[in-house]
């Protein structure tokens, strides 16, 4: 579990894109807004996401399958 902006966040948590991720943008995860990025994929708003990894307070997400 990682603490980001005072919130607990872990790999596997799910949410959705609020803005277009190109590859960075905003998402809502566990009811909180975060600045997130993908590992290169562009995702549209309202795409269901899953936290893939957290490195140096950077949140990496992927399309939820």
Protein backbone atom coordinates (compact mmCIF):
# COMPACT_ATOMS: atom_id res chain seq x y z
CA UNK A 1 0.00 0.00 0.00
CA UNK A 2 1.34 3.39 -1.01
CA UNK A 3 0.26 6.70 0.52
CA UNK A 4 -0.22 9.32 -2.17
CA UNK A 5 -1.59 12.74 -1.16
CA UNK A 6 -2.64 11.20 2.15
CA UNK A 7 -4.68 8.48 0.43
CA UNK A 8 -3.99 4.74 0.44
CA UNK A 9 -3.51 3.36 -3.06
CA UNK A 10 -2.32 -0.07 -4.15
CA UNK A 11 -1.70 -2.09 -7.29
CA UNK A 12 -4.97 -3.60 -8.46
CA UNK A 13 -7.18 -0.70 -7.34
CA UNK A 14 -9.64 0.32 -10.05
CA UNK A 15 -11.17 3.53 -11.30
CA UNK A 16 -11.83 5.43 -14.49
CA UNK A 17 -10.19 8.06 -16.64
CA UNK A 18 -11.61 11.56 -16.17
CA UNK A 19 -9.57 13.13 -18.96
CA UNK A 20 -7.88 11.65 -22.02
CA UNK A 21 -4.65 9.89 -20.99
CA UNK A 22 -2.06 10.84 -23.64
CA UNK A 23 -0.29 9.11 -21.91
CA UNK A 24 -0.77 11.25 -18.77
CA UNK A 25 -4.03 12.68 -17.45
CA UNK A 26 -6.50 12.58 -14.58
CA UNK A 27 -8.40 9.63 -13.16
CA UNK A 28 -10.65 8.90 -10.24
CA UNK A 29 -9.58 5.90 -8.17
CA UNK A 30 -11.28 4.86 -4.92
CA UNK A 31 -13.32 8.09 -5.07
CA UNK A 32 -10.24 10.36 -5.24
CA UNK A 33 -8.74 12.29 -8.16
CA UNK A 34 -5.15 11.48 -9.18
CA UNK A 35 -2.70 12.47 -11.89
CA UNK A 36 -1.91 9.18 -13.62
CA UNK A 37 -0.05 7.90 -16.64
CA UNK A 38 0.00 4.85 -18.87
CA UNK A 39 3.09 3.10 -20.16
CA UNK A 40 2.40 4.55 -23.64
CA UNK A 41 -1.20 3.67 -24.44
CA UNK A 42 -3.66 6.53 -25.08
CA UNK A 43 -6.99 6.08 -23.28
CA UNK A 44 -10.25 8.00 -23.65
CA UNK A 45 -12.29 9.51 -20.80
CA UNK A 46 -14.53 7.05 -18.91
CA UNK A 47 -12.21 4.12 -19.72
CA UNK A 48 -12.15 1.67 -16.80
CA UNK A 49 -8.63 1.55 -15.32
CA UNK A 50 -6.54 -0.58 -13.01
CA UNK A 51 -3.44 0.55 -11.11
CA UNK A 52 -0.52 -1.34 -12.67
CA UNK A 53 2.38 0.01 -10.62
CA UNK A 54 3.42 2.91 -8.40
CA UNK A 55 6.97 4.24 -8.70
CA UNK A 56 8.33 7.38 -7.02
CA UNK A 57 4.76 8.62 -6.35
CA UNK A 58 3.89 8.20 -10.05
CA UNK A 59 0.77 6.12 -10.63
CA UNK A 60 0.79 3.92 -13.72
CA UNK A 61 -2.52 2.56 -14.96
CA UNK A 62 -3.71 0.22 -17.69
CA UNK A 63 -7.07 -0.52 -19.29
CA UNK A 64 -9.05 -2.82 -17.01
CA UNK A 65 -9.61 -6.20 -18.65
